[in-house]
Amino acid sequence: MMGAPGPVDALGATGTIGALDAVVLAGGTARRLGGVSKPDVLVAGRRMLDHVLEGLAALRGGGALPAGRIVVVAPPEVALPPGELRALEDPPLGGPVAGIAAGLQALAADAGGSAPAPVTAVLTCDAPGAATALPPLLGALEAAPAVPGIDGACARAGDHTQYLLGVYWTPALLGAVAPGGAPLRDRAVHRTLGALRVLEVAGTERAAVDLDTWEQVRAWEG
């Protein structure tokens, strides 16, 4: 069975997953924002990208998320905090699926032969509150061994699954975006990640709100 088996209630992470890596997508063309660099757009006084990175750091610092690495998939002109890992699909603008594949490859290279984190989170910079969804998503995934074949847990966005705000078992995610080790390009997210069996986690809709227009940017309050 593929796709979402149905919504489940949000749970807190129980700590049984030892490490969680994160791929933050911060590229694209931002056409509805006039082609500006979306990760650099200021929202409530801070860059969109910084909202996401600071949210991840705060959750880890408070023990709500396990330790792990972060890779930001972004072009060179997007400034990253010191020491932050960067990746970019080659050639650029291959779409979110290609970006996830590039991020996973960068994490694997950075590991230097060590085993990857068992679970990888996927977030986008244009959902500034995305990090807040990760504890309940991780909690749902930790409980998923009781549901055979579950590959991940994703937020809900209205009436559909938000695959770009989810936590996935790393081998399943890698197999979807780079089958046989070959990264996919120009592939629809719902077609690619929709082939995985994921849980939709209720109560995550607010975290999944993305900002695609200037009106949404001005209205966002965190």
Foldseek 3Di string as FASTA:
>chain_A
DFFEPEADAFDFAPCPFAAEEEEEEQEDQLVQAVRDRQQQDDFPRGGLQCLQVVLQVVCCVVVRHHHYAYEYEYDPVDDDPPPHHYWAAVPHPQDPLSSVLRRLVSQCVVVVPDDHRQKYFAAYSQLSLLSVRVRRQNNVVVPCVVPPQAFWAAEDAVPDTDPRRIMGRVVVSNCQQQNVNRGHGPDDPCVRNRRGYYHYYPPCNSSPDGDSHPVSSHPDDD
